[in-house]
Amino acid sequence: MNRGPFDLIIFDYDGVIADSERLNNAVMAELLSEIGLPTTLDDALATYLGKRWLDCEPIISERLGAPCPSGVQAEWTRRCHERARRDLTVVAGFDRFLTERGERRCIASSSPPDWIELGLRHFGVHEAFAGPIFSAAVHVSRGKPHPDLFLYAAQAMQTAPERTLVIEDSPTGVLAGVAAGMTVIGLCAGGHIRGDHPQRLAQAGAHQVLDSYADLTAWIAGTA
């Protein structure tokens, strides 16, 4: 296996491993519209992408002008899990990248561990991934864009931030990785990427914005 100039690769999950951002945010838009907050898929992607439910809920309440109704999170989770079992796919090129790289790896995501594990098993890569899962819903009090989750993951993996590569798909995640002092790739390989998204990742501070895992492999080779 190839080893580049990094000792650890931290993967975000939604939009980086699982091509799930359209699914998650379509359900979000559907539910918010049902409770009286008309929301399109594009609205949801622009507002909630990369954030924990804990950080989404106050935004929903503010926009709704009232507390977010109880049960919305549970219903969002239920619908996402139901649709994922049928429709969820892996981001193109991830499985090949996984077999080609020799760096230690882990996941640091805003999503809860059960959602991540569902996808890894669904894709048949749970055993092959062989890296721990760190979740902002479990391991830290502040989610992305704060650096806490990435720093927690690097400390747990006993790796210096400057020797860590973060792969992210959201401006929120990019901001977190940059704040952690890590090298951050903005990956635009998911089905939710549209319009000025690459520019938004660059503006958030991504050290490189790439369209595919093949491009990422070439970039790592060029930095060795």
C-alpha atoms as a PDB file:
ATOM      1  CA  MET A   1       0.000   0.000   0.000  1.00  0.00           C
ATOM      2  CA  ASN A   2       1.074   3.561  -0.692  1.00  0.00           C
ATOM      3  CA  ARG A   3       2.012   5.938   2.092  1.00  0.00           C
ATOM      4  CA  GLY A   4       2.217   9.659   1.468  1.00  0.00           C
ATOM      5  CA  PRO A   5       3.466  12.536   3.624  1.00  0.00           C
ATOM      6  CA  PHE A   6       0.649  12.076   6.180  1.00  0.00           C
ATOM      7  CA  ASP A   7       0.490   9.726   9.157  1.00  0.00           C
ATOM      8  CA  LEU A   8      -3.294   9.872   9.443  1.00  0.00           C
ATOM      9  CA  ILE A   9      -6.218  10.491   7.106  1.00  0.00           C
ATOM     10  CA  ILE A  10      -9.419  11.700   8.741  1.00  0.00           C
ATOM     11  CA  PHE A  11     -12.513  11.173   6.625  1.00  0.00           C
ATOM     12  CA  ASP A  12     -15.727  13.032   7.086  1.00  0.00           C
ATOM     13  CA  TYR A  13     -18.593  10.622   6.436  1.00  0.00           C
ATOM     14  CA  ASP A  14     -21.632  12.146   4.723  1.00  0.00           C
ATOM     15  CA  GLY A  15     -20.636  13.336   1.262  1.00  0.00           C
ATOM     16  CA  VAL A  16     -17.120  11.903   1.572  1.00  0.00           C
ATOM     17  CA  ILE A  17     -17.696   8.192   2.176  1.00  0.00           C
ATOM     18  CA  ALA A  18     -21.460   7.918   1.830  1.00  0.00           C
ATOM     19  CA  ASP A  19     -23.141   9.809  -0.997  1.00  0.00           C
ATOM     20  CA  SER A  20     -25.820  10.703   1.516  1.00  0.00           C
ATOM     21  CA  GLU A  21     -26.091  14.479   1.576  1.00  0.00           C
ATOM     22  CA  ARG A  22     -28.884  14.633  -1.010  1.00  0.00           C
ATOM     23  CA  LEU A  23     -30.798  11.949   0.885  1.00  0.00           C
ATOM     24  CA  ASN A  24     -30.326  13.551   4.315  1.00  0.00           C
ATOM     25  CA  ASN A  25     -31.167  17.033   3.172  1.00  0.00           C
ATOM     26  CA  ALA A  26     -34.097  15.972   1.000  1.00  0.00           C
ATOM     27  CA  VAL A  27     -35.626  14.416   4.118  1.00  0.00           C
ATOM     28  CA  MET A  28     -34.793  17.556   6.094  1.00  0.00           C
ATOM     29  CA  ALA A  29     -36.498  19.763   3.501  1.00  0.00           C
ATOM     30  CA  GLU A  30     -39.523  17.464   3.430  1.00  0.00           C
ATOM     31  CA  LEU A  31     -39.941  17.466   7.217  1.00  0.00           C
ATOM     32  CA  LEU A  32     -39.378  21.180   7.679  1.00  0.00           C
ATOM     33  CA  SER A  33     -41.943  21.921   4.992  1.00  0.00           C
ATOM     34  CA  GLU A  34     -44.398  19.640   6.808  1.00  0.00           C
ATOM     35  CA  ILE A  35     -44.020  21.599  10.083  1.00  0.00           C
ATOM     36  CA  GLY A  36     -44.635  24.931   8.379  1.00  0.00           C
ATOM     37  CA  LEU A  37     -41.151  25.997   7.301  1.00  0.00           C
ATOM     38  CA  PRO A  38     -41.110  25.713   3.480  1.00  0.00           C
ATOM     39  CA  THR A  39     -37.644  24.415   2.565  1.00  0.00           C
ATOM     40  CA  THR A  40     -36.161  23.189  -0.695  1.00  0.00           C
ATOM     41  CA  LEU A  41     -33.303  20.733  -1.087  1.00  0.00           C
ATOM     42  CA  ASP A  42     -31.003  23.590  -2.058  1.00  0.00           C
ATOM     43  CA  ASP A  43     -32.097  25.550   1.056  1.00  0.00           C
ATOM     44  CA  ALA A  44     -31.338  22.560   3.273  1.00  0.00           C
ATOM     45  CA  LEU A  45     -27.934  21.944   1.689  1.00  0.00           C
ATOM     46  CA  ALA A  46     -26.979  25.608   2.055  1.00  0.00           C
ATOM     47  CA  THR A  47     -28.071  25.808   5.690  1.00  0.00           C
ATOM     48  CA  TYR A  48     -27.603  22.429   7.387  1.00  0.00           C
ATOM     49  CA  LEU A  49     -24.833  20.671   5.437  1.00  0.00           C
ATOM     50  CA  GLY A  50     -22.088  19.384   7.730  1.00  0.00           C
ATOM     51  CA  LYS A  51     -23.826  20.298  10.998  1.00  0.00           C
ATOM     52  CA  ARG A  52     -25.005  18.171  13.926  1.00  0.00           C
ATOM     53  CA  TRP A  53     -28.714  18.038  14.706  1.00  0.00           C
ATOM     54  CA  LEU A  54     -27.824  19.810  17.959  1.00  0.00           C
ATOM     55  CA  ASP A  55     -26.616  22.763  15.885  1.00  0.00           C
ATOM     56  CA  CYS A  56     -29.396  22.533  13.285  1.00  0.00           C
ATOM     57  CA  GLU A  57     -32.236  22.668  15.803  1.00  0.00           C
ATOM     58  CA  PRO A  58     -31.707  26.280  16.993  1.00  0.00           C
ATOM     59  CA  ILE A  59     -31.494  27.414  13.356  1.00  0.00           C
ATOM     60  CA  ILE A  60     -34.804  25.679  12.638  1.00  0.00           C
ATOM     61  CA  SER A  61     -36.429  27.241  15.710  1.00  0.00           C
ATOM     62  CA  GLU A  62     -35.197  30.705  14.758  1.00  0.00           C
ATOM     63  CA  ARG A  63     -36.492  30.399  11.208  1.00  0.00           C
ATOM     64  CA  LEU A  64     -39.758  28.882  12.365  1.00  0.00           C
ATOM     65  CA  GLY A  65     -40.289  31.579  14.975  1.00  0.00           C
ATOM     66  CA  ALA A  66     -41.136  28.883  17.521  1.00  0.00           C
ATOM     67  CA  PRO A  67     -39.440  25.888  19.139  1.00  0.00           C
ATOM     68  CA  CYS A  68     -38.752  23.045  16.747  1.00  0.00           C
ATOM     69  CA  PRO A  69     -41.518  20.496  17.478  1.00  0.00           C
ATOM     70  CA  SER A  70     -40.505  17.490  19.515  1.00  0.00           C
ATOM     71  CA  GLY A  71     -40.173  14.378  17.455  1.00  0.00           C
ATOM     72  CA  VAL A  72     -38.751  16.029  14.339  1.00  0.00           C
ATOM     73  CA  GLN A  73     -35.243  14.686  14.965  1.00  0.00           C
ATOM     74  CA  ALA A  74     -36.532  11.167  15.610  1.00  0.00           C
ATOM     75  CA  GLU A  75     -38.643  11.239  12.446  1.00  0.00           C
ATOM     76  CA  TRP A  76     -35.766  12.644  10.395  1.00  0.00           C
ATOM     77  CA  THR A  77     -33.538   9.834  11.677  1.00  0.00           C
ATOM     78  CA  ARG A  78     -36.185   7.200  10.995  1.00  0.00           C
ATOM     79  CA  ARG A  79     -36.803   8.329   7.410  1.00  0.00           C
ATOM     80  CA  CYS A  80     -33.093   8.681   6.645  1.00  0.00           C
ATOM     81  CA  HIS A  81     -32.358   5.174   7.925  1.00  0.00           C
ATOM     82  CA  GLU A  82     -35.307   3.726   6.021  1.00  0.00           C
ATOM     83  CA  ARG A  83     -34.259   5.301   2.729  1.00  0.00           C
ATOM     84  CA  ALA A  84     -30.575   4.573   3.273  1.00  0.00           C
ATOM     85  CA  ARG A  85     -31.208   0.837   3.431  1.00  0.00           C
ATOM     86  CA  ARG A  86     -32.672   1.086  -0.056  1.00  0.00           C
ATOM     87  CA  ASP A  87     -30.990   4.022  -1.770  1.00  0.00           C
ATOM     88  CA  LEU A  88     -27.663   4.833  -0.108  1.00  0.00           C
ATOM     89  CA  THR A  89     -24.533   4.524  -2.268  1.00  0.00           C
ATOM     90  CA  VAL A  90     -20.850   4.989  -1.615  1.00  0.00           C
ATOM     91  CA  VAL A  91     -19.063   8.046  -3.022  1.00  0.00           C
ATOM     92  CA  ALA A  92     -17.453   7.013  -6.298  1.00  0.00           C
ATOM     93  CA  GLY A  93     -13.841   5.929  -5.916  1.00  0.00           C
ATOM     94  CA  PHE A  94     -13.806   5.630  -2.128  1.00  0.00           C
ATOM     95  CA  ASP A  95     -13.518   1.841  -2.004  1.00  0.00           C
ATOM     96  CA  ARG A  96     -10.575   1.821  -4.418  1.00  0.00           C
ATOM     97  CA  PHE A  97      -8.859   4.635  -2.541  1.00  0.00           C
ATOM     98  CA  LEU A  98      -9.319   2.649   0.661  1.00  0.00           C
ATOM     99  CA  THR A  99      -7.480  -0.377  -0.733  1.00  0.00           C
ATOM    100  CA  GLU A 100      -4.640   1.696  -2.220  1.00  0.00           C
ATOM    101  CA  ARG A 101      -3.686   3.791   0.805  1.00  0.00           C
ATOM    102  CA  GLY A 102      -1.526   2.658   3.711  1.00  0.00           C
ATOM    103  CA  GLU A 103      -1.981   5.559   6.119  1.00  0.00           C
ATOM    104  CA  ARG A 104      -3.853   5.047   9.349  1.00  0.00           C
ATOM    105  CA  ARG A 105      -7.431   6.237   9.023  1.00  0.00           C
ATOM    106  CA  CYS A 106     -10.465   7.207  11.019  1.00  0.00           C
ATOM    107  CA  ILE A 107     -13.822   8.921  10.588  1.00  0.00           C
ATOM    108  CA  ALA A 108     -14.704  12.218  12.294  1.00  0.00           C
ATOM    109  CA  SER A 109     -18.282  13.149  11.485  1.00  0.00           C
ATOM    110  CA  SER A 110     -21.160  15.261  12.740  1.00  0.00           C
ATOM    111  CA  SER A 111     -23.400  12.203  12.374  1.00  0.00           C
ATOM    112  CA  PRO A 112     -24.023   9.631  15.138  1.00  0.00           C
ATOM    113  CA  PRO A 113     -22.097   6.345  15.073  1.00  0.00           C
ATOM    114  CA  ASP A 114     -25.110   4.153  14.267  1.00  0.00           C
ATOM    115  CA  TRP A 115     -25.747   6.090  11.043  1.00  0.00           C
ATOM    116  CA  ILE A 116     -22.108   5.760  10.000  1.00  0.00           C
ATOM    117  CA  GLU A 117     -21.944   2.061  10.829  1.00  0.00           C
ATOM    118  CA  LEU A 118     -25.156   1.426   8.876  1.00  0.00           C
ATOM    119  CA  GLY A 119     -23.503   2.800   5.733  1.00  0.00           C
ATOM    120  CA  LEU A 120     -20.159   1.087   6.193  1.00  0.00           C
ATOM    121  CA  ARG A 121     -21.894  -2.275   6.548  1.00  0.00           C
ATOM    122  CA  HIS A 122     -24.257  -1.503   3.668  1.00  0.00           C
ATOM    123  CA  PHE A 123     -21.262  -0.778   1.408  1.00  0.00           C
ATOM    124  CA  GLY A 124     -19.378  -3.861   2.601  1.00  0.00           C
ATOM    125  CA  VAL A 125     -16.377  -1.850   3.800  1.00  0.00           C
ATOM    126  CA  HIS A 126     -16.882  -1.997   7.573  1.00  0.00           C
ATOM    127  CA  GLU A 127     -14.067  -4.498   8.100  1.00  0.00           C
ATOM    128  CA  ALA A 128     -11.850  -3.037   5.374  1.00  0.00           C
ATOM    129  CA  PHE A 129     -12.043   0.451   6.827  1.00  0.00           C
ATOM    130  CA  ALA A 130     -10.518  -0.771  10.095  1.00  0.00           C
ATOM    131  CA  GLY A 131     -10.467   2.678  11.687  1.00  0.00           C
ATOM    132  CA  PRO A 132     -12.286   4.161  14.651  1.00  0.00           C
ATOM    133  CA  ILE A 133     -15.346   6.386  14.377  1.00  0.00           C
ATOM    134  CA  PHE A 134     -15.402   9.748  16.148  1.00  0.00           C
ATOM    135  CA  SER A 135     -18.733  11.550  16.295  1.00  0.00           C
ATOM    136  CA  ALA A 136     -19.496  15.155  17.216  1.00  0.00           C
ATOM    137  CA  ALA A 137     -22.795  13.818  18.555  1.00  0.00           C
ATOM    138  CA  VAL A 138     -20.889  11.762  21.140  1.00  0.00           C
ATOM    139  CA  HIS A 139     -17.275  12.786  21.684  1.00  0.00           C
ATOM    140  CA  VAL A 140     -17.194  16.595  21.910  1.00  0.00           C
ATOM    141  CA  SER A 141     -19.422  19.382  23.193  1.00  0.00           C
ATOM    142  CA  ARG A 142     -18.765  21.700  20.244  1.00  0.00           C
ATOM    143  CA  GLY A 143     -19.354  20.504  16.702  1.00  0.00           C
ATOM    144  CA  LYS A 144     -17.906  21.699  13.432  1.00  0.00           C
ATOM    145  CA  PRO A 145     -16.874  24.432  12.476  1.00  0.00           C
ATOM    146  CA  HIS A 146     -15.032  24.261  15.801  1.00  0.00           C
ATOM    147  CA  PRO A 147     -11.831  22.180  15.583  1.00  0.00           C
ATOM    148  CA  ASP A 148     -12.632  20.071  18.648  1.00  0.00           C
ATOM    149  CA  LEU A 149     -13.666  16.855  16.891  1.00  0.00           C
ATOM    150  CA  PHE A 150     -10.644  16.741  14.604  1.00  0.00           C
ATOM    151  CA  LEU A 151      -8.284  17.523  17.474  1.00  0.00           C
ATOM    152  CA  TYR A 152      -9.949  14.839  19.598  1.00  0.00           C
ATOM    153  CA  ALA A 153      -9.534  12.309  16.786  1.00  0.00           C
ATOM    154  CA  ALA A 154      -5.870  13.182  16.203  1.00  0.00           C
ATOM    155  CA  GLN A 155      -5.110  12.953  19.922  1.00  0.00           C
ATOM    156  CA  ALA A 156      -6.866   9.591  20.163  1.00  0.00           C
ATOM    157  CA  MET A 157      -4.872   8.387  17.164  1.00  0.00           C
ATOM    158  CA  GLN A 158      -1.657   9.834  18.659  1.00  0.00           C
ATOM    159  CA  THR A 159      -0.938  11.908  15.569  1.00  0.00           C
ATOM    160  CA  ALA A 160       0.189  15.516  15.302  1.00  0.00           C
ATOM    161  CA  PRO A 161      -2.276  17.831  13.512  1.00  0.00           C
ATOM    162  CA  GLU A 162       0.396  18.889  11.017  1.00  0.00           C
ATOM    163  CA  ARG A 163       0.795  15.240   9.960  1.00  0.00           C
ATOM    164  CA  THR A 164      -2.944  14.781   9.474  1.00  0.00           C
ATOM    165  CA  LEU A 165      -4.957  15.015   6.260  1.00  0.00           C
ATOM    166  CA  VAL A 166      -8.671  15.833   6.498  1.00  0.00           C
ATOM    167  CA  ILE A 167     -11.086  15.023   3.676  1.00  0.00           C
ATOM    168  CA  GLU A 168     -14.215  17.165   3.843  1.00  0.00           C
ATOM    169  CA  ASP A 169     -17.111  18.118   1.597  1.00  0.00           C
ATOM    170  CA  SER A 170     -18.703  21.008   3.522  1.00  0.00           C
ATOM    171  CA  PRO A 171     -17.515  24.537   4.277  1.00  0.00           C
ATOM    172  CA  THR A 172     -18.364  23.858   7.932  1.00  0.00           C
ATOM    173  CA  GLY A 173     -16.030  20.856   7.989  1.00  0.00           C
ATOM    174  CA  VAL A 174     -13.286  22.652   6.089  1.00  0.00           C
ATOM    175  CA  LEU A 175     -13.340  25.468   8.635  1.00  0.00           C
ATOM    176  CA  ALA A 176     -12.997  22.910  11.434  1.00  0.00           C
ATOM    177  CA  GLY A 177     -10.051  21.150   9.821  1.00  0.00           C
ATOM    178  CA  VAL A 178      -8.217  24.373   9.082  1.00  0.00           C
ATOM    179  CA  ALA A 179      -8.802  25.588  12.644  1.00  0.00           C
ATOM    180  CA  ALA A 180      -7.304  22.303  13.873  1.00  0.00           C
ATOM    181  CA  GLY A 181      -4.081  23.050  11.981  1.00  0.00           C
ATOM    182  CA  MET A 182      -4.490  20.150   9.566  1.00  0.00           C
ATOM    183  CA  THR A 183      -4.181  19.898   5.784  1.00  0.00           C
ATOM    184  CA  VAL A 184      -7.710  19.959   4.395  1.00  0.00           C
ATOM    185  CA  ILE A 185      -8.978  18.660   1.061  1.00  0.00           C
ATOM    186  CA  GLY A 186     -12.342  19.897  -0.140  1.00  0.00           C
ATOM    187  CA  LEU A 187     -13.727  16.866  -1.989  1.00  0.00           C
ATOM    188  CA  CYS A 188     -16.443  17.506  -4.593  1.00  0.00           C
ATOM    189  CA  ALA A 189     -17.236  13.896  -5.509  1.00  0.00           C
ATOM    190  CA  GLY A 190     -20.711  13.591  -3.994  1.00  0.00           C
ATOM    191  CA  GLY A 191     -24.019  13.914  -5.779  1.00  0.00           C
ATOM    192  CA  HIS A 192     -24.937  17.024  -3.770  1.00  0.00           C
ATOM    193  CA  ILE A 193     -22.191  19.184  -5.291  1.00  0.00           C
ATOM    194  CA  ARG A 194     -23.582  21.995  -7.414  1.00  0.00           C
ATOM    195  CA  GLY A 195     -23.060  25.599  -8.424  1.00  0.00           C
ATOM    196  CA  ASP A 196     -20.439  27.473  -6.461  1.00  0.00           C
ATOM    197  CA  HIS A 197     -19.791  24.712  -3.919  1.00  0.00           C
ATOM    198  CA  PRO A 198     -16.109  24.295  -4.897  1.00  0.00           C
ATOM    199  CA  GLN A 199     -15.614  28.033  -4.479  1.00  0.00           C
ATOM    200  CA  ARG A 200     -17.254  27.921  -1.058  1.00  0.00           C
ATOM    201  CA  LEU A 201     -14.857  25.180   0.034  1.00  0.00           C
ATOM    202  CA  ALA A 202     -11.901  27.234  -1.186  1.00  0.00           C
ATOM    203  CA  GLN A 203     -13.188  30.326   0.604  1.00  0.00           C
ATOM    204  CA  ALA A 204     -13.500  28.307   3.809  1.00  0.00           C
ATOM    205  CA  GLY A 205      -9.762  27.627   3.552  1.00  0.00           C
ATOM    206  CA  ALA A 206      -9.423  24.227   1.872  1.00  0.00           C
ATOM    207  CA  HIS A 207      -5.799  23.745   0.871  1.00  0.00           C
ATOM    208  CA  GLN A 208      -6.940  21.983  -2.290  1.00  0.00           C
ATOM    209  CA  VAL A 209     -10.370  21.418  -3.858  1.00  0.00           C
ATOM    210  CA  LEU A 210     -10.615  18.189  -5.868  1.00  0.00           C
ATOM    211  CA  ASP A 211     -13.338  16.547  -7.925  1.00  0.00           C
ATOM    212  CA  SER A 212     -12.644  12.866  -7.293  1.00  0.00           C
ATOM    213  CA  TYR A 213     -10.741  10.274  -5.304  1.00  0.00           C
ATOM    214  CA  ALA A 214      -8.555   9.695  -8.358  1.00  0.00           C
ATOM    215  CA  ASP A 215      -7.564  13.367  -8.198  1.00  0.00           C
ATOM    216  CA  LEU A 216      -6.880  12.967  -4.475  1.00  0.00           C
ATOM    217  CA  THR A 217      -4.592   9.990  -5.123  1.00  0.00           C
ATOM    218  CA  ALA A 218      -2.651  12.024  -7.676  1.00  0.00           C
ATOM    219  CA  TRP A 219      -2.457  15.024  -5.348  1.00  0.00           C
ATOM    220  CA  ILE A 220      -1.062  12.946  -2.485  1.00  0.00           C
ATOM    221  CA  ALA A 221       1.517  11.431  -4.841  1.00  0.00           C
ATOM    222  CA  GLY A 222       2.559  14.928  -5.887  1.00  0.00           C
ATOM    223  CA  THR A 223       3.119  16.021  -2.288  1.00  0.00           C
ATOM    224  CA  ALA A 224       5.299  13.064  -1.325  1.00  0.00           C
END
